[in-house]
Amino acid sequence: MNIIQKENKYLMHTYKRNNLVVKKAKGSFIWDDKGKKYLDFFSGISVCNLGHCNESVIKSIKKQLDSYAHVSNLYYSSTQIELGEELVKRTFSAGKVFLANSGAEANECAIKLARKFGYNSGGRYEIISFENSFHGRTMATMAATGQMQFHEYLKPLQEKFVFAQYNNIDSVKRLINKKTVAVIIELVQGEGGLFTADKKFIKELRLLCDKNNLLLIFDEIQCGMGRSGKFYAFENYGIKPDIVTLAKSMANGLPLGAAIAGKKCAEAFTYGDHGSTFGGNPVSCAAALAALKIINVGFLKKVVDLSKYLNLRFEALGKKYLLIKEIRGMGLMMGIELGVPGKEIVSYCLKKGLIINCTHDTVLRFLPPLTITKKNIDLAIKILEEALKWQTSKK
C-alpha cells in the first residue's frame, strides 16, 4: 500500500489533494518522492513567507527545543512574552496580545473579545462581516464567513453575524443598530478571489466605527506579515484597527496565531475569559521572533520591488491572452481571474514544475515566498504562459 492509498484509508477526506508527495523543501522549491523539483508559488497558503526551512528560523527553533518545548500557560515563558512585546510595538502604542495556534483561533479570540467589550458597554453582540469573506473553520468563524456554500450543513449557525457588501459603505450603515458591536474585514479577500478593499471605503469605515463606538477588526491572517509590501496591509491605508489578527506566516511553518488589541478593548478580557493549551507555544514563538527580525524596512522594500515586477509580467500576459479577465491583489498576494475554470491550468503548471492554486473556481492565486527572486518569477511566468497557450489552443 503506497502513501496515497494509506491516506485514502486512514485520513478523513477533508482535503482534495494534488498528486504530489512531498519529500523535502528548501527556499522557493519543493521536491517530490521521485526527486522532481517544483517552484513553489503558493508558500503553503502564505505560510512559508520566508521560504522553506529558513536557516535563521530553524536555528531559533532548535535553540528553543534544547531548553523546552512546552510548560503550559500557567507559567511564564520569556519567548512568548518577548513575542508579545514585539507585536504590540509593531501595531499599537499601547495594546495587548493573545497568542493562539491558527488564524481561525485568532479570529475566534477577536470575536470573543468584541462580544466581551459589547457586554461591558450595553449588552451589544452583533458583528458585521462582508459578503465573500473567509474568517476560519470553527463554528464562530464559519458563521462570520460571508460565503453561503460553507453554511448549509452547519445550520443553525451561531448568532449574530450580518453581511455587508464589500467596498460599499452604505450597506454597512444600513446594518448598524443598537446591538452592533464590531465590524470584521479582510483588506484582501484571499479565499474570496483576491479582491482588495478601496482606500476611501476603509477610511470611511474607520470613521463610521468611531462614530458608533464599534470595534474595527482587520483579519490579516493571509495579507499580514509583509505579504502586502508593508508589515501590515492596513499600513497601506493610513488608518489603524482596534483589533488585528495574524497567523499563517507568523512562525514560517509552525502553528501560531495572534489577536492584537489596542487600548480601547485590550483590557476587556479578565482571568479565565479565554485560553488555549498550546497557544503561544514557545517553539513557535521562537520561530516567530526570528521571522520578525528578518521582516525589516529593507526586506519590505524588496517585497515592493518584486511585487511591481510580478505585476508587470502579469499585465504583459493579460495583453496577450483573452483568457485573462482581470489581474488584482496587493503586494505578493496576486490573483488572475480567468474566463474559464482554472483547475486544468493549475494541474498543467504542476506537471511542468510550478505550484499555484485556484480559488473561487476561476481565480488563479499566487502567493510566492517573499524571498523569491526575479529569476524565479521569470521561470513561473514561462510555465504559466505555456499553460495559458495550452488552454487557449483547446478552444
Protein backbone atom coordinates (compact mmCIF):
# COMPACT_ATOMS: atom_id res chain seq x y z
CA MET A 1 0.00 0.00 0.00
CA ASN A 2 1.55 3.32 -1.08
CA ILE A 3 1.23 6.62 0.79
CA ILE A 4 -1.71 7.85 -1.31
CA GLN A 5 -3.63 4.63 -0.67
CA LYS A 6 -2.87 4.88 3.06
CA GLU A 7 -4.11 8.47 3.14
CA ASN A 8 -7.32 7.37 1.49
CA LYS A 9 -7.77 4.59 4.05
CA TYR A 10 -6.83 6.34 7.29
CA LEU A 11 -7.44 10.10 6.98
CA MET A 12 -10.77 11.88 6.76
CA HIS A 13 -11.40 13.15 3.24
CA THR A 14 -11.37 16.87 4.07
CA TYR A 15 -8.64 17.86 1.61
CA LYS A 16 -8.75 17.35 -2.13
CA ARG A 17 -5.03 16.81 -2.60
CA ASN A 18 -2.94 17.36 -5.71
CA ASN A 19 -0.90 14.43 -6.97
CA LEU A 20 2.29 15.44 -5.19
CA VAL A 21 4.00 13.55 -2.36
CA VAL A 22 6.41 15.99 -0.70
CA LYS A 23 9.88 14.65 0.16
CA LYS A 24 11.71 17.86 1.07
CA ALA A 25 11.55 21.64 0.67
CA LYS A 26 14.12 24.41 0.72
CA GLY A 27 13.86 28.10 -0.14
CA SER A 28 11.40 28.56 -3.01
CA PHE A 29 11.38 24.90 -4.07
CA ILE A 30 9.75 21.59 -3.17
CA TRP A 31 10.91 18.10 -4.22
CA ASP A 32 8.58 15.11 -4.52
CA ASP A 33 9.24 11.48 -3.61
CA LYS A 34 10.54 10.81 -7.13
CA GLY A 35 13.08 13.66 -6.99
CA LYS A 36 11.16 16.09 -9.21
CA LYS A 37 11.68 19.78 -8.36
CA TYR A 38 8.81 22.30 -8.16
CA LEU A 39 8.88 26.10 -7.91
CA ASP A 40 6.51 26.96 -5.06
CA PHE A 41 4.30 29.97 -5.81
CA PHE A 42 1.84 29.13 -3.03
CA SER A 43 4.06 29.02 0.09
CA GLY A 44 1.74 26.64 1.92
CA ILE A 45 -1.14 29.17 1.61
CA SER A 46 1.13 32.07 2.54
CA VAL A 47 2.68 30.23 5.50
CA CYS A 48 6.34 29.85 4.49
CA ASN A 49 6.71 33.50 3.50
CA LEU A 50 10.46 33.44 4.22
CA GLY A 51 10.96 30.31 2.15
CA HIS A 52 11.02 26.69 3.23
CA CYS A 53 13.45 25.75 6.01
CA ASN A 54 14.69 29.31 6.53
CA GLU A 55 18.03 28.93 8.29
CA SER A 56 17.51 31.68 10.88
CA VAL A 57 14.09 30.33 11.79
CA ILE A 58 15.33 26.73 12.03
CA LYS A 59 18.24 27.83 14.24
CA SER A 60 15.84 29.57 16.64
CA ILE A 61 13.54 26.53 16.71
CA LYS A 62 16.42 24.19 17.60
CA LYS A 63 17.71 26.52 20.30
CA GLN A 64 14.29 26.69 21.97
CA LEU A 65 13.83 22.91 21.71
CA ASP A 66 17.11 22.45 23.58
CA SER A 67 15.53 24.32 26.52
CA TYR A 68 11.89 23.15 26.46
CA ALA A 69 9.01 22.65 24.04
CA HIS A 70 6.08 23.27 26.37
CA VAL A 71 5.45 24.15 30.03
CA SER A 72 1.80 25.37 29.94
CA ASN A 73 0.37 28.86 30.02
CA LEU A 74 0.09 28.64 33.81
CA TYR A 75 3.76 29.69 33.95
CA TYR A 76 5.84 32.48 32.41
CA SER A 77 7.67 31.89 29.13
CA SER A 78 10.17 34.59 28.17
CA THR A 79 10.00 33.70 24.45
CA GLN A 80 6.23 34.14 24.45
CA ILE A 81 6.40 37.45 26.30
CA GLU A 82 9.17 38.80 24.03
CA LEU A 83 7.00 38.00 21.02
CA GLY A 84 4.04 39.78 22.59
CA GLU A 85 6.17 42.85 23.19
CA GLU A 86 7.45 42.90 19.62
CA LEU A 87 3.96 42.51 18.14
CA VAL A 88 2.47 45.31 20.25
CA LYS A 89 5.33 47.66 19.35
CA ARG A 90 4.75 47.00 15.65
CA THR A 91 1.00 47.51 15.96
CA PHE A 92 -0.13 49.97 18.65
CA SER A 93 1.45 52.48 21.02
CA ALA A 94 -0.39 50.56 23.74
CA GLY A 95 -2.12 47.21 23.48
CA LYS A 96 -2.12 43.53 24.38
CA VAL A 97 -1.79 40.21 22.57
CA PHE A 98 -3.47 36.82 22.83
CA LEU A 99 -1.40 34.04 21.26
CA ALA A 100 -3.23 31.13 19.63
CA ASN A 101 -2.42 28.27 17.24
CA SER A 102 -4.08 29.33 14.00
CA GLY A 103 -5.90 32.02 12.09
CA ALA A 104 -9.32 30.62 12.97
CA GLU A 105 -8.38 30.71 16.66
CA ALA A 106 -7.03 34.26 16.35
CA ASN A 107 -10.31 35.39 14.78
CA GLU A 108 -12.28 33.41 17.37
CA CYS A 109 -10.43 35.38 20.05
CA ALA A 110 -11.18 38.68 18.29
CA ILE A 111 -14.88 37.78 18.12
CA LYS A 112 -15.00 36.82 21.80
CA LEU A 113 -13.11 39.98 22.78
CA ALA A 114 -15.56 42.10 20.80
CA ARG A 115 -18.51 40.34 22.44
CA LYS A 116 -16.98 40.92 25.90
CA PHE A 117 -16.41 44.58 25.03
CA GLY A 118 -20.05 44.79 23.93
CA TYR A 119 -21.25 43.02 27.07
CA ASN A 120 -19.46 45.68 29.10
CA SER A 121 -20.99 48.51 27.05
CA GLY A 122 -24.71 47.91 26.99
CA GLY A 123 -25.04 44.27 26.03
CA ARG A 124 -24.07 44.63 22.36
CA TYR A 125 -23.13 41.49 20.42
CA GLU A 126 -23.90 41.79 16.68
CA ILE A 127 -20.92 41.77 14.31
CA ILE A 128 -20.90 42.99 10.71
CA SER A 129 -18.86 40.93 8.28
CA PHE A 130 -18.77 41.04 4.47
CA GLU A 131 -20.03 39.03 1.55
CA ASN A 132 -17.35 36.81 0.02
CA SER A 133 -15.26 36.87 3.21
CA PHE A 134 -13.47 33.95 4.85
CA HIS A 135 -12.50 34.01 8.54
CA GLY A 136 -11.89 30.39 9.50
CA ARG A 137 -13.43 26.95 10.04
CA THR A 138 -14.54 27.00 13.68
CA MET A 139 -18.26 27.37 14.29
CA ALA A 140 -17.99 31.09 15.11
CA THR A 141 -15.58 31.98 12.30
CA MET A 142 -17.65 30.00 9.80
CA ALA A 143 -20.70 31.98 10.93
CA ALA A 144 -18.66 35.15 10.29
CA THR A 145 -17.70 33.94 6.80
CA GLY A 146 -19.76 35.51 4.03
CA GLN A 147 -19.81 32.54 1.66
CA MET A 148 -23.06 30.65 1.93
CA GLN A 149 -21.71 27.38 0.49
CA PHE A 150 -19.86 26.86 3.78
CA HIS A 151 -23.00 27.32 5.89
CA GLU A 152 -25.52 24.78 4.64
CA TYR A 153 -24.68 21.71 6.73
CA LEU A 154 -23.74 23.78 9.82
CA LYS A 155 -27.15 25.33 10.39
CA PRO A 156 -28.29 26.65 12.74
CA LEU A 157 -25.29 29.00 12.77
CA GLN A 158 -24.07 30.90 15.77
CA GLU A 159 -25.78 34.27 16.03
CA LYS A 160 -25.43 37.10 15.27
CA PHE A 161 -23.38 37.91 12.18
CA VAL A 162 -24.73 40.03 9.34
CA PHE A 163 -23.15 40.69 5.96
CA ALA A 164 -22.49 43.96 4.16
CA GLN A 165 -21.31 44.42 0.58
CA TYR A 166 -17.55 44.72 0.22
CA ASN A 167 -16.45 48.30 -0.61
CA ASN A 168 -19.99 49.63 -0.08
CA ILE A 169 -20.17 51.93 2.97
CA ASP A 170 -23.92 52.48 2.64
CA SER A 171 -24.53 48.76 3.02
CA VAL A 172 -22.60 48.88 6.30
CA LYS A 173 -24.56 51.88 7.56
CA ARG A 174 -27.85 50.08 6.91
CA LEU A 175 -26.84 47.19 9.16
CA ILE A 176 -25.79 49.19 12.23
CA ASN A 177 -28.23 49.09 15.12
CA LYS A 178 -28.18 49.39 18.91
CA LYS A 179 -26.86 45.79 19.24
CA THR A 180 -23.93 46.20 16.82
CA VAL A 181 -20.52 45.96 18.48
CA ALA A 182 -17.94 45.40 15.72
CA VAL A 183 -17.02 45.15 12.06
CA ILE A 184 -14.61 42.47 10.82
CA ILE A 185 -12.99 42.70 7.38
CA GLU A 186 -10.14 41.33 5.26
CA LEU A 187 -8.24 44.06 3.40
CA VAL A 188 -7.57 41.46 0.72
CA GLN A 189 -10.13 38.67 0.40
CA GLY A 190 -7.71 35.78 -0.06
CA GLU A 191 -10.11 32.84 -0.22
CA GLY A 192 -12.75 35.10 -1.77
CA GLY A 193 -10.84 35.73 -5.02
CA LEU A 194 -8.17 38.34 -4.21
CA PHE A 195 -10.49 41.35 -4.08
CA THR A 196 -8.90 44.38 -2.40
CA ALA A 197 -10.56 46.97 -0.17
CA ASP A 198 -10.77 50.53 -1.55
CA LYS A 199 -8.83 53.14 0.42
CA LYS A 200 -11.78 55.55 0.57
CA PHE A 201 -14.06 52.78 1.82
CA ILE A 202 -11.68 51.73 4.61
CA LYS A 203 -11.22 55.31 5.79
CA GLU A 204 -14.99 55.80 5.81
CA LEU A 205 -15.36 52.53 7.70
CA ARG A 206 -12.93 53.71 10.37
CA LEU A 207 -14.87 56.96 10.81
CA LEU A 208 -18.17 55.08 10.92
CA CYS A 209 -16.90 52.75 13.65
CA ASP A 210 -15.61 55.69 15.69
CA LYS A 211 -18.94 57.50 15.38
CA ASN A 212 -20.90 54.46 16.60
CA ASN A 213 -18.40 53.17 19.19
CA LEU A 214 -17.80 49.98 17.19
CA LEU A 215 -14.63 47.93 17.17
CA LEU A 216 -12.92 47.66 13.78
CA ILE A 217 -11.27 44.25 13.33
CA PHE A 218 -8.82 43.61 10.50
CA ASP A 219 -8.28 39.97 9.59
CA GLU A 220 -4.69 39.95 8.28
CA ILE A 221 -4.23 36.20 8.57
CA GLN A 222 -3.18 35.95 4.91
CA CYS A 223 -2.23 39.51 3.93
CA GLY A 224 -0.16 40.39 7.03
CA MET A 225 3.49 39.78 7.95
CA GLY A 226 4.89 41.63 4.93
CA ARG A 227 2.80 39.99 2.22
CA SER A 228 1.35 43.37 1.08
CA GLY A 229 4.72 45.15 0.98
CA LYS A 230 4.12 46.60 4.44
CA PHE A 231 4.28 44.63 7.68
CA TYR A 232 0.52 45.09 7.97
CA ALA A 233 -1.72 45.60 4.95
CA PHE A 234 -3.55 48.31 6.91
CA GLU A 235 -0.40 50.46 6.74
CA ASN A 236 -1.23 50.96 3.06
CA TYR A 237 -4.48 52.69 4.13
CA GLY A 238 -3.21 55.21 6.68
CA ILE A 239 -5.52 54.05 9.49
CA LYS A 240 -5.41 51.55 12.34
CA PRO A 241 -7.93 48.97 13.56
CA ASP A 242 -8.95 48.28 17.15
CA ILE A 243 -8.02 44.59 16.76
CA VAL A 244 -5.84 42.89 14.15
CA THR A 245 -5.38 39.15 13.71
CA LEU A 246 -2.32 37.34 12.36
CA ALA A 247 -1.41 33.70 11.78
CA LYS A 248 -0.25 31.65 8.75
CA SER A 249 3.29 33.01 8.22
CA MET A 250 3.91 34.19 11.80
CA ALA A 251 6.20 31.26 12.60
CA ASN A 252 7.10 30.42 8.97
CA GLY A 253 5.70 26.90 9.05
CA LEU A 254 4.89 26.22 12.69
CA PRO A 255 1.36 26.75 14.07
CA LEU A 256 0.86 30.18 15.63
CA GLY A 257 -1.79 32.89 15.59
CA ALA A 258 -2.32 36.19 17.37
CA ALA A 259 -5.06 38.67 18.13
CA ILE A 260 -3.56 42.08 18.93
CA ALA A 261 -5.89 44.62 20.54
CA GLY A 262 -5.48 48.36 21.04
CA LYS A 263 -6.16 50.14 24.30
CA LYS A 264 -9.89 50.62 23.54
CA CYS A 265 -10.62 46.94 24.19
CA ALA A 266 -7.37 45.28 25.30
CA GLU A 267 -8.45 45.16 28.94
CA ALA A 268 -11.89 43.64 28.25
CA PHE A 269 -10.73 40.09 28.97
CA THR A 270 -10.08 39.10 32.57
CA TYR A 271 -8.62 35.88 34.02
CA GLY A 272 -10.49 32.84 32.75
CA ASP A 273 -12.30 34.59 29.88
CA HIS A 274 -10.19 32.89 27.23
CA GLY A 275 -7.35 30.42 26.93
CA SER A 276 -5.54 27.78 24.88
CA THR A 277 -3.44 24.81 25.99
CA PHE A 278 -0.98 25.12 23.13
CA GLY A 279 -1.49 28.81 22.25
CA GLY A 280 1.79 30.69 22.16
CA ASN A 281 3.87 27.50 22.12
CA PRO A 282 7.48 28.52 22.97
CA VAL A 283 8.96 26.80 19.90
CA SER A 284 6.53 28.55 17.57
CA CYS A 285 7.19 31.85 19.37
CA ALA A 286 10.94 31.42 18.89
CA ALA A 287 10.34 30.86 15.17
CA ALA A 288 8.15 33.98 15.01
CA LEU A 289 10.76 36.13 16.74
CA ALA A 290 13.33 35.03 14.17
CA ALA A 291 10.89 35.80 11.36
CA LEU A 292 10.16 39.28 12.73
CA LYS A 293 13.88 40.11 12.80
CA ILE A 294 14.05 39.37 9.07
CA ILE A 295 10.97 41.42 8.13
CA ASN A 296 12.52 44.89 8.41
CA VAL A 297 12.32 48.04 6.28
CA GLY A 298 14.95 46.87 3.79
CA PHE A 299 13.27 43.49 3.40
CA LEU A 300 9.87 45.09 2.79
CA LYS A 301 11.33 47.39 0.15
CA LYS A 302 12.49 44.32 -1.75
CA VAL A 303 8.99 42.85 -1.47
CA VAL A 304 7.54 46.01 -3.03
CA ASP A 305 10.06 45.88 -5.88
CA LEU A 306 9.35 42.20 -6.53
CA SER A 307 5.59 42.74 -6.44
CA LYS A 308 5.87 45.51 -9.05
CA TYR A 309 7.94 43.22 -11.26
CA LEU A 310 5.48 40.33 -10.90
CA ASN A 311 2.55 42.63 -11.66
CA LEU A 312 4.25 43.90 -14.83
CA ARG A 313 4.81 40.34 -16.00
CA PHE A 314 1.14 39.51 -15.30
CA GLU A 315 -0.02 42.63 -17.17
CA ALA A 316 2.04 41.58 -20.19
CA LEU A 317 0.27 38.20 -20.16
CA GLY A 318 -3.07 39.98 -19.82
CA LYS A 319 -2.44 41.83 -23.08
CA LYS A 320 -1.65 38.60 -24.92
CA TYR A 321 -4.35 36.24 -23.69
CA LEU A 322 -8.10 36.95 -23.87
CA LEU A 323 -8.49 34.16 -21.33
CA ILE A 324 -7.37 36.66 -18.64
CA LYS A 325 -10.27 38.83 -17.47
CA GLU A 326 -8.66 40.71 -14.56
CA ILE A 327 -5.44 40.93 -12.54
CA ARG A 328 -5.83 42.04 -8.92
CA GLY A 329 -4.34 41.84 -5.45
CA MET A 330 -1.78 43.61 -3.28
CA GLY A 331 1.97 43.12 -2.92
CA LEU A 332 2.91 39.48 -3.46
CA MET A 333 -0.68 38.37 -2.96
CA MET A 334 -1.99 38.30 -6.51
CA GLY A 335 -4.85 36.79 -8.44
CA ILE A 336 -5.63 36.33 -12.13
CA GLU A 337 -9.32 35.90 -12.93
CA LEU A 338 -9.91 33.73 -15.96
CA GLY A 339 -12.85 33.39 -18.29
CA VAL A 340 -12.79 29.63 -17.69
CA PRO A 341 -12.31 27.38 -14.65
CA GLY A 342 -8.69 27.36 -13.51
CA LYS A 343 -8.38 23.77 -12.30
CA GLU A 344 -6.81 22.46 -15.51
CA ILE A 345 -4.24 25.28 -15.62
CA VAL A 346 -3.23 24.53 -12.01
CA SER A 347 -2.77 20.85 -12.95
CA TYR A 348 -0.80 21.74 -16.10
CA CYS A 349 1.52 24.02 -14.11
CA LEU A 350 2.06 21.31 -11.50
CA LYS A 351 3.10 18.82 -14.19
CA LYS A 352 5.58 21.40 -15.52
CA GLY A 353 7.02 22.10 -12.05
CA LEU A 354 5.09 25.16 -10.82
CA ILE A 355 2.85 25.11 -7.75
CA ILE A 356 -0.07 27.58 -7.83
CA ASN A 357 -3.66 27.48 -6.60
CA CYS A 358 -7.15 28.24 -7.85
CA THR A 359 -9.81 29.82 -5.66
CA HIS A 360 -13.43 30.63 -6.47
CA ASP A 361 -13.20 28.26 -9.44
CA THR A 362 -11.78 30.82 -11.90
CA VAL A 363 -9.14 32.81 -9.95
CA LEU A 364 -5.52 31.69 -10.09
CA ARG A 365 -3.90 32.62 -6.77
CA PHE A 366 -0.20 33.43 -6.45
CA LEU A 367 1.50 33.58 -3.04
CA PRO A 368 5.23 33.17 -3.70
CA PRO A 369 7.74 33.35 -0.85
CA LEU A 370 8.65 36.95 -0.06
CA THR A 371 12.25 35.85 -0.66
CA ILE A 372 11.54 34.96 -4.31
CA THR A 373 13.96 36.21 -6.98
CA LYS A 374 13.20 37.86 -10.31
CA LYS A 375 14.84 34.87 -11.99
CA ASN A 376 12.32 32.54 -10.37
CA ILE A 377 9.46 34.91 -11.21
CA ASP A 378 10.55 34.66 -14.85
CA LEU A 379 10.52 30.86 -14.59
CA ALA A 380 7.00 30.91 -13.13
CA ILE A 381 5.77 33.23 -15.88
CA LYS A 382 7.30 30.97 -18.54
CA ILE A 383 5.41 27.93 -17.22
CA LEU A 384 2.20 29.91 -16.69
CA GLU A 385 2.32 31.20 -20.26
CA GLU A 386 2.77 27.65 -21.54
CA ALA A 387 -0.37 26.71 -19.60
CA LEU A 388 -2.34 29.66 -20.99
CA LYS A 389 -1.27 28.77 -24.55
CA TRP A 390 -2.31 25.17 -23.98
CA GLN A 391 -5.68 26.19 -22.56
CA THR A 392 -6.30 28.65 -25.41
CA SER A 393 -5.44 26.01 -28.03
CA LYS A 394 -8.14 23.69 -26.64
CA LYS A 395 -10.93 26.01 -27.78
